[in-house]
Amino acid sequence: MEFKKLEIEPESNWIKRAIKTPHIRKTLVYILIGAVAGFGYFYLTEGQHMDELSGRLVLKSMLIGGFFGFFITNSPCARGRC
């Protein structure tokens, strides 16, 4: 009888493994693009100077843009379940 030696390697942290998946990377990129687009839309439509911007309004616009980026990659139609 011949037996193979079982080699067990320690697994990395689950967060590191999750970030390495292509879907999570795509989602993070789209969230970042959406947040930047939300800031750009807010800046261009409000017509304010950078020193007059309210932090709460900028954050709100960035969160809405980030949500749109998240929705684009995780909606049922984006995942082929329409």
PDB file of N, CA and C in Angstrom:
ATOM      1  N   MET A   1       0.823  -1.185   0.000  1.00  0.00           N
ATOM      2  CA  MET A   1       0.000   0.000   0.000  1.00  0.00           C
ATOM      3  C   MET A   1       0.866   1.247   0.000  1.00  0.00           C
ATOM      4  N   GLU A   2       0.388   2.197  -0.745  1.00  0.00           N
ATOM      5  CA  GLU A   2       1.122   3.444  -0.834  1.00  0.00           C
ATOM      6  C   GLU A   2       0.206   4.583  -0.397  1.00  0.00           C
ATOM      7  N   PHE A   3       0.692   5.407   0.493  1.00  0.00           N
ATOM      8  CA  PHE A   3      -0.092   6.524   1.010  1.00  0.00           C
ATOM      9  C   PHE A   3       0.567   7.835   0.622  1.00  0.00           C
ATOM     10  N   LYS A   4      -0.281   8.783   0.303  1.00  0.00           N
ATOM     11  CA  LYS A   4       0.225  10.114  -0.003  1.00  0.00           C
ATOM     12  C   LYS A   4       0.224  10.941   1.264  1.00  0.00           C
ATOM     13  N   LYS A   5       1.232  11.754   1.388  1.00  0.00           N
ATOM     14  CA  LYS A   5       1.341  12.622   2.554  1.00  0.00           C
ATOM     15  C   LYS A   5       0.383  13.812   2.381  1.00  0.00           C
ATOM     16  N   LEU A   6      -0.426  14.047   3.376  1.00  0.00           N
ATOM     17  CA  LEU A   6      -1.389  15.142   3.339  1.00  0.00           C
ATOM     18  C   LEU A   6      -0.710  16.419   3.832  1.00  0.00           C
ATOM     19  N   GLU A   7      -0.693  17.414   2.969  1.00  0.00           N
ATOM     20  CA  GLU A   7      -0.088  18.687   3.340  1.00  0.00           C
ATOM     21  C   GLU A   7      -1.195  19.689   3.616  1.00  0.00           C
ATOM     22  N   ILE A   8      -1.245  20.157   4.827  1.00  0.00           N
ATOM     23  CA  ILE A   8      -2.259  21.135   5.228  1.00  0.00           C
ATOM     24  C   ILE A   8      -1.580  22.473   5.415  1.00  0.00           C
ATOM     25  N   GLU A   9      -2.091  23.450   4.667  1.00  0.00           N
ATOM     26  CA  GLU A   9      -1.544  24.797   4.780  1.00  0.00           C
ATOM     27  C   GLU A   9      -2.530  25.656   5.563  1.00  0.00           C
ATOM     28  N   PRO A  10      -2.035  26.536   6.405  1.00  0.00           N
ATOM     29  CA  PRO A  10      -2.966  27.412   7.140  1.00  0.00           C
ATOM     30  C   PRO A  10      -3.650  28.387   6.195  1.00  0.00           C
ATOM     31  N   GLU A  11      -4.939  28.555   6.415  1.00  0.00           N
ATOM     32  CA  GLU A  11      -5.705  29.476   5.582  1.00  0.00           C
ATOM     33  C   GLU A  11      -5.501  30.903   6.070  1.00  0.00           C
ATOM     34  N   SER A  12      -5.593  31.822   5.129  1.00  0.00           N
ATOM     35  CA  SER A  12      -5.454  33.221   5.496  1.00  0.00           C
ATOM     36  C   SER A  12      -6.771  33.725   6.080  1.00  0.00           C
ATOM     37  N   ASN A  13      -6.770  34.955   6.490  1.00  0.00           N
ATOM     38  CA  ASN A  13      -7.947  35.586   7.061  1.00  0.00           C
ATOM     39  C   ASN A  13      -9.084  35.583   6.037  1.00  0.00           C
ATOM     40  N   TRP A  14     -10.332  35.426   6.478  1.00  0.00           N
ATOM     41  CA  TRP A  14     -11.464  35.345   5.540  1.00  0.00           C
ATOM     42  C   TRP A  14     -11.670  36.651   4.786  1.00  0.00           C
ATOM     43  N   ILE A  15     -11.290  37.766   5.397  1.00  0.00           N
ATOM     44  CA  ILE A  15     -11.431  39.047   4.705  1.00  0.00           C
ATOM     45  C   ILE A  15     -10.471  39.102   3.516  1.00  0.00           C
ATOM     46  N   LYS A  16      -9.242  38.653   3.720  1.00  0.00           N
ATOM     47  CA  LYS A  16      -8.268  38.643   2.632  1.00  0.00           C
ATOM     48  C   LYS A  16      -8.719  37.703   1.519  1.00  0.00           C
ATOM     49  N   ARG A  17      -9.281  36.547   1.876  1.00  0.00           N
ATOM     50  CA  ARG A  17      -9.771  35.623   0.856  1.00  0.00           C
ATOM     51  C   ARG A  17     -10.962  36.204   0.111  1.00  0.00           C
ATOM     52  N   ALA A  18     -11.835  36.918   0.820  1.00  0.00           N
ATOM     53  CA  ALA A  18     -13.026  37.490   0.186  1.00  0.00           C
ATOM     54  C   ALA A  18     -12.647  38.610  -0.774  1.00  0.00           C
ATOM     55  N   ILE A  19     -11.659  39.408  -0.417  1.00  0.00           N
ATOM     56  CA  ILE A  19     -11.248  40.526  -1.279  1.00  0.00           C
ATOM     57  C   ILE A  19     -10.591  40.019  -2.558  1.00  0.00           C
ATOM     58  N   LYS A  20     -10.018  38.832  -2.524  1.00  0.00           N
ATOM     59  CA  LYS A  20      -9.351  38.293  -3.703  1.00  0.00           C
ATOM     60  C   LYS A  20     -10.321  37.764  -4.752  1.00  0.00           C
ATOM     61  N   THR A  21     -11.604  37.610  -4.419  1.00  0.00           N
ATOM     62  CA  THR A  21     -12.544  37.106  -5.412  1.00  0.00           C
ATOM     63  C   THR A  21     -12.836  38.197  -6.440  1.00  0.00           C
ATOM     64  N   PRO A  22     -13.021  37.815  -7.686  1.00  0.00           N
ATOM     65  CA  PRO A  22     -13.243  38.820  -8.743  1.00  0.00           C
ATOM     66  C   PRO A  22     -14.520  39.638  -8.542  1.00  0.00           C
ATOM     67  N   HIS A  23     -15.568  39.016  -8.034  1.00  0.00           N
ATOM     68  CA  HIS A  23     -16.824  39.750  -7.856  1.00  0.00           C
ATOM     69  C   HIS A  23     -16.691  40.847  -6.801  1.00  0.00           C
ATOM     70  N   ILE A  24     -16.024  40.553  -5.706  1.00  0.00           N
ATOM     71  CA  ILE A  24     -15.843  41.556  -4.640  1.00  0.00           C
ATOM     72  C   ILE A  24     -14.955  42.687  -5.142  1.00  0.00           C
ATOM     73  N   ARG A  25     -13.916  42.365  -5.879  1.00  0.00           N
ATOM     74  CA  ARG A  25     -13.051  43.416  -6.432  1.00  0.00           C
ATOM     75  C   ARG A  25     -13.831  44.322  -7.373  1.00  0.00           C
ATOM     76  N   LYS A  26     -14.642  43.720  -8.245  1.00  0.00           N
ATOM     77  CA  LYS A  26     -15.450  44.503  -9.176  1.00  0.00           C
ATOM     78  C   LYS A  26     -16.429  45.386  -8.409  1.00  0.00           C
ATOM     79  N   THR A  27     -17.039  44.842  -7.366  1.00  0.00           N
ATOM     80  CA  THR A  27     -17.980  45.620  -6.560  1.00  0.00           C
ATOM     81  C   THR A  27     -17.288  46.805  -5.896  1.00  0.00           C
ATOM     82  N   LEU A  28     -16.122  46.593  -5.319  1.00  0.00           N
ATOM     83  CA  LEU A  28     -15.395  47.684  -4.662  1.00  0.00           C
ATOM     84  C   LEU A  28     -14.983  48.768  -5.650  1.00  0.00           C
ATOM     85  N   VAL A  29     -14.573  48.357  -6.846  1.00  0.00           N
ATOM     86  CA  VAL A  29     -14.192  49.341  -7.863  1.00  0.00           C
ATOM     87  C   VAL A  29     -15.407  50.171  -8.274  1.00  0.00           C
ATOM     88  N   TYR A  30     -16.552  49.519  -8.475  1.00  0.00           N
ATOM     89  CA  TYR A  30     -17.748  50.245  -8.881  1.00  0.00           C
ATOM     90  C   TYR A  30     -18.271  51.148  -7.767  1.00  0.00           C
ATOM     91  N   ILE A  31     -18.135  50.726  -6.514  1.00  0.00           N
ATOM     92  CA  ILE A  31     -18.531  51.592  -5.397  1.00  0.00           C
ATOM     93  C   ILE A  31     -17.646  52.837  -5.376  1.00  0.00           C
ATOM     94  N   LEU A  32     -16.352  52.664  -5.574  1.00  0.00           N
ATOM     95  CA  LEU A  32     -15.429  53.798  -5.594  1.00  0.00           C
ATOM     96  C   LEU A  32     -15.731  54.730  -6.762  1.00  0.00           C
ATOM     97  N   ILE A  33     -15.977  54.167  -7.934  1.00  0.00           N
ATOM     98  CA  ILE A  33     -16.325  54.993  -9.094  1.00  0.00           C
ATOM     99  C   ILE A  33     -17.635  55.735  -8.850  1.00  0.00           C
ATOM    100  N   GLY A  34     -18.619  55.052  -8.249  1.00  0.00           N
ATOM    101  CA  GLY A  34     -19.897  55.695  -7.950  1.00  0.00           C
ATOM    102  C   GLY A  34     -19.748  56.823  -6.948  1.00  0.00           C
ATOM    103  N   ALA A  35     -18.890  56.637  -5.930  1.00  0.00           N
ATOM    104  CA  ALA A  35     -18.677  57.688  -4.942  1.00  0.00           C
ATOM    105  C   ALA A  35     -18.004  58.907  -5.572  1.00  0.00           C
ATOM    106  N   VAL A  36     -17.035  58.677  -6.429  1.00  0.00           N
ATOM    107  CA  VAL A  36     -16.368  59.794  -7.111  1.00  0.00           C
ATOM    108  C   VAL A  36     -17.349  60.500  -8.048  1.00  0.00           C
ATOM    109  N   ALA A  37     -18.172  59.718  -8.744  1.00  0.00           N
ATOM    110  CA  ALA A  37     -19.171  60.319  -9.625  1.00  0.00           C
ATOM    111  C   ALA A  37     -20.202  61.107  -8.824  1.00  0.00           C
ATOM    112  N   GLY A  38     -20.577  60.599  -7.640  1.00  0.00           N
ATOM    113  CA  GLY A  38     -21.510  61.330  -6.784  1.00  0.00           C
ATOM    114  C   GLY A  38     -20.933  62.650  -6.325  1.00  0.00           C
ATOM    115  N   PHE A  39     -19.651  62.646  -5.963  1.00  0.00           N
ATOM    116  CA  PHE A  39     -19.009  63.898  -5.575  1.00  0.00           C
ATOM    117  C   PHE A  39     -18.937  64.855  -6.750  1.00  0.00           C
ATOM    118  N   GLY A  40     -18.571  64.332  -7.919  1.00  0.00           N
ATOM    119  CA  GLY A  40     -18.490  65.184  -9.112  1.00  0.00           C
ATOM    120  C   GLY A  40     -19.834  65.782  -9.474  1.00  0.00           C
ATOM    121  N   TYR A  41     -20.884  64.987  -9.388  1.00  0.00           N
ATOM    122  CA  TYR A  41     -22.224  65.488  -9.688  1.00  0.00           C
ATOM    123  C   TYR A  41     -22.624  66.575  -8.695  1.00  0.00           C
ATOM    124  N   PHE A  42     -22.348  66.345  -7.415  1.00  0.00           N
ATOM    125  CA  PHE A  42     -22.663  67.344  -6.395  1.00  0.00           C
ATOM    126  C   PHE A  42     -21.891  68.623  -6.639  1.00  0.00           C
ATOM    127  N   TYR A  43     -20.610  68.503  -6.936  1.00  0.00           N
ATOM    128  CA  TYR A  43     -19.765  69.684  -7.125  1.00  0.00           C
ATOM    129  C   TYR A  43     -20.186  70.485  -8.350  1.00  0.00           C
ATOM    130  N   LEU A  44     -20.517  69.786  -9.423  1.00  0.00           N
ATOM    131  CA  LEU A  44     -20.869  70.485 -10.654  1.00  0.00           C
ATOM    132  C   LEU A  44     -22.272  71.079 -10.613  1.00  0.00           C
ATOM    133  N   THR A  45     -23.206  70.446  -9.920  1.00  0.00           N
ATOM    134  CA  THR A  45     -24.580  70.962  -9.902  1.00  0.00           C
ATOM    135  C   THR A  45     -24.785  72.043  -8.857  1.00  0.00           C
ATOM    136  N   GLU A  46     -24.041  72.005  -7.782  1.00  0.00           N
ATOM    137  CA  GLU A  46     -24.222  73.006  -6.725  1.00  0.00           C
ATOM    138  C   GLU A  46     -23.524  74.318  -7.065  1.00  0.00           C
ATOM    139  N   GLY A  47     -22.452  74.279  -7.820  1.00  0.00           N
ATOM    140  CA  GLY A  47     -21.751  75.493  -8.224  1.00  0.00           C
ATOM    141  C   GLY A  47     -21.109  76.227  -7.061  1.00  0.00           C
ATOM    142  N   GLN A  48     -20.593  75.498  -6.082  1.00  0.00           N
ATOM    143  CA  GLN A  48     -19.946  76.105  -4.927  1.00  0.00           C
ATOM    144  C   GLN A  48     -18.436  75.941  -5.037  1.00  0.00           C
ATOM    145  N   HIS A  49     -17.731  76.811  -4.348  1.00  0.00           N
ATOM    146  CA  HIS A  49     -16.282  76.681  -4.272  1.00  0.00           C
ATOM    147  C   HIS A  49     -15.928  75.598  -3.261  1.00  0.00           C
ATOM    148  N   MET A  50     -14.721  75.079  -3.365  1.00  0.00           N
ATOM    149  CA  MET A  50     -14.304  73.981  -2.489  1.00  0.00           C
ATOM    150  C   MET A  50     -14.317  74.382  -1.014  1.00  0.00           C
ATOM    151  N   ASP A  51     -14.032  75.635  -0.693  1.00  0.00           N
ATOM    152  CA  ASP A  51     -14.000  76.041   0.710  1.00  0.00           C
ATOM    153  C   ASP A  51     -15.394  76.256   1.287  1.00  0.00           C
ATOM    154  N   GLU A  52     -16.421  76.277   0.460  1.00  0.00           N
ATOM    155  CA  GLU A  52     -17.793  76.482   0.928  1.00  0.00           C
ATOM    156  C   GLU A  52     -18.603  75.196   0.997  1.00  0.00           C
ATOM    157  N   LEU A  53     -18.018  74.069   0.650  1.00  0.00           N
ATOM    158  CA  LEU A  53     -18.752  72.812   0.623  1.00  0.00           C
ATOM    159  C   LEU A  53     -19.056  72.317   2.031  1.00  0.00           C
ATOM    160  N   SER A  54     -20.269  71.815   2.221  1.00  0.00           N
ATOM    161  CA  SER A  54     -20.671  71.228   3.493  1.00  0.00           C
ATOM    162  C   SER A  54     -20.286  69.750   3.491  1.00  0.00           C
ATOM    163  N   GLY A  55     -19.651  69.320   4.546  1.00  0.00           N
ATOM    164  CA  GLY A  55     -19.209  67.933   4.639  1.00  0.00           C
ATOM    165  C   GLY A  55     -20.337  66.927   4.612  1.00  0.00           C
ATOM    166  N   ARG A  56     -21.447  67.260   5.247  1.00  0.00           N
ATOM    167  CA  ARG A  56     -22.591  66.336   5.284  1.00  0.00           C
ATOM    168  C   ARG A  56     -23.196  66.142   3.898  1.00  0.00           C
ATOM    169  N   LEU A  57     -23.301  67.233   3.137  1.00  0.00           N
ATOM    170  CA  LEU A  57     -23.880  67.119   1.802  1.00  0.00           C
ATOM    171  C   LEU A  57     -22.966  66.358   0.852  1.00  0.00           C
ATOM    172  N   VAL A  58     -21.670  66.582   0.971  1.00  0.00           N
ATOM    173  CA  VAL A  58     -20.716  65.853   0.142  1.00  0.00           C
ATOM    174  C   VAL A  58     -20.765  64.368   0.474  1.00  0.00           C
ATOM    175  N   LEU A  59     -20.778  64.034   1.755  1.00  0.00           N
ATOM    176  CA  LEU A  59     -20.830  62.640   2.186  1.00  0.00           C
ATOM    177  C   LEU A  59     -22.120  61.971   1.719  1.00  0.00           C
ATOM    178  N   LYS A  60     -23.222  62.690   1.797  1.00  0.00           N
ATOM    179  CA  LYS A  60     -24.504  62.143   1.340  1.00  0.00           C
ATOM    180  C   LYS A  60     -24.453  61.831  -0.152  1.00  0.00           C
ATOM    181  N   SER A  61     -23.914  62.728  -0.946  1.00  0.00           N
ATOM    182  CA  SER A  61     -23.810  62.497  -2.384  1.00  0.00           C
ATOM    183  C   SER A  61     -22.879  61.332  -2.696  1.00  0.00           C
ATOM    184  N   MET A  62     -21.786  61.224  -1.954  1.00  0.00           N
ATOM    185  CA  MET A  62     -20.859  60.118  -2.168  1.00  0.00           C
ATOM    186  C   MET A  62     -21.480  58.789  -1.771  1.00  0.00           C
ATOM    187  N   LEU A  63     -22.262  58.760  -0.708  1.00  0.00           N
ATOM    188  CA  LEU A  63     -22.926  57.521  -0.300  1.00  0.00           C
ATOM    189  C   LEU A  63     -23.967  57.096  -1.323  1.00  0.00           C
ATOM    190  N   ILE A  64     -24.705  58.033  -1.862  1.00  0.00           N
ATOM    191  CA  ILE A  64     -25.690  57.702  -2.890  1.00  0.00           C
ATOM    192  C   ILE A  64     -24.985  57.159  -4.136  1.00  0.00           C
ATOM    193  N   GLY A  65     -23.909  57.787  -4.544  1.00  0.00           N
ATOM    194  CA  GLY A  65     -23.138  57.297  -5.691  1.00  0.00           C
ATOM    195  C   GLY A  65     -22.541  55.927  -5.437  1.00  0.00           C
ATOM    196  N   GLY A  66     -22.035  55.706  -4.226  1.00  0.00           N
ATOM    197  CA  GLY A  66     -21.501  54.392  -3.864  1.00  0.00           C
ATOM    198  C   GLY A  66     -22.576  53.318  -3.877  1.00  0.00           C
ATOM    199  N   PHE A  67     -23.782  53.672  -3.431  1.00  0.00           N
ATOM    200  CA  PHE A  67     -24.887  52.718  -3.472  1.00  0.00           C
ATOM    201  C   PHE A  67     -25.231  52.357  -4.911  1.00  0.00           C
ATOM    202  N   PHE A  68     -25.234  53.344  -5.805  1.00  0.00           N
ATOM    203  CA  PHE A  68     -25.504  53.041  -7.209  1.00  0.00           C
ATOM    204  C   PHE A  68     -24.433  52.109  -7.778  1.00  0.00           C
ATOM    205  N   GLY A  69     -23.184  52.332  -7.412  1.00  0.00           N
ATOM    206  CA  GLY A  69     -22.118  51.429  -7.852  1.00  0.00           C
ATOM    207  C   GLY A  69     -22.305  50.028  -7.310  1.00  0.00           C
ATOM    208  N   PHE A  70     -22.736  49.917  -6.053  1.00  0.00           N
ATOM    209  CA  PHE A  70     -23.017  48.607  -5.454  1.00  0.00           C
ATOM    210  C   PHE A  70     -24.189  47.941  -6.160  1.00  0.00           C
ATOM    211  N   PHE A  71     -25.225  48.716  -6.455  1.00  0.00           N
ATOM    212  CA  PHE A  71     -26.414  48.163  -7.090  1.00  0.00           C
ATOM    213  C   PHE A  71     -26.124  47.693  -8.511  1.00  0.00           C
ATOM    214  N   ILE A  72     -25.265  48.396  -9.227  1.00  0.00           N
ATOM    215  CA  ILE A  72     -24.932  48.009 -10.599  1.00  0.00           C
ATOM    216  C   ILE A  72     -24.293  46.624 -10.630  1.00  0.00           C
ATOM    217  N   THR A  73     -23.453  46.315  -9.658  1.00  0.00           N
ATOM    218  CA  THR A  73     -22.760  45.023  -9.677  1.00  0.00           C
ATOM    219  C   THR A  73     -23.531  43.920  -8.970  1.00  0.00           C
ATOM    220  N   ASN A  74     -24.487  44.244  -8.103  1.00  0.00           N
ATOM    221  CA  ASN A  74     -25.166  43.215  -7.328  1.00  0.00           C
ATOM    222  C   ASN A  74     -26.661  43.108  -7.581  1.00  0.00           C
ATOM    223  N   SER A  75     -27.165  43.800  -8.582  1.00  0.00           N
ATOM    224  CA  SER A  75     -28.587  43.673  -8.903  1.00  0.00           C
ATOM    225  C   SER A  75     -28.821  42.303  -9.537  1.00  0.00           C
ATOM    226  N   PRO A  76     -30.047  41.818  -9.489  1.00  0.00           N
ATOM    227  CA  PRO A  76     -30.320  40.505 -10.086  1.00  0.00           C
ATOM    228  C   PRO A  76     -29.979  40.448 -11.577  1.00  0.00           C
ATOM    229  N   CYS A  77     -30.251  41.514 -12.297  1.00  0.00           N
ATOM    230  CA  CYS A  77     -29.955  41.511 -13.732  1.00  0.00           C
ATOM    231  C   CYS A  77     -28.453  41.528 -13.999  1.00  0.00           C
ATOM    232  N   ALA A  78     -27.679  42.152 -13.124  1.00  0.00           N
ATOM    233  CA  ALA A  78     -26.228  42.178 -13.304  1.00  0.00           C
ATOM    234  C   ALA A  78     -25.622  40.810 -13.070  1.00  0.00           C
ATOM    235  N   ARG A  79     -26.289  39.980 -12.274  1.00  0.00           N
ATOM    236  CA  ARG A  79     -25.777  38.652 -11.975  1.00  0.00           C
ATOM    237  C   ARG A  79     -26.411  37.577 -12.831  1.00  0.00           C
ATOM    238  N   GLY A  80     -27.171  37.996 -13.866  1.00  0.00           N
ATOM    239  CA  GLY A  80     -27.751  37.043 -14.809  1.00  0.00           C
ATOM    240  C   GLY A  80     -28.968  36.305 -14.307  1.00  0.00           C
ATOM    241  N   ARG A  81     -29.755  36.911 -13.426  1.00  0.00           N
ATOM    242  CA  ARG A  81     -30.930  36.245 -12.865  1.00  0.00           C
ATOM    243  C   ARG A  81     -32.222  36.949 -13.236  1.00  0.00           C
ATOM    244  N   CYS A  82     -32.250  37.640 -14.358  1.00  0.00           N
ATOM    245  CA  CYS A  82     -33.483  38.322 -14.797  1.00  0.00           C
ATOM    246  C   CYS A  82     -34.464  37.350 -15.372  1.00  0.00           C
TER     247      CYS A  82
END
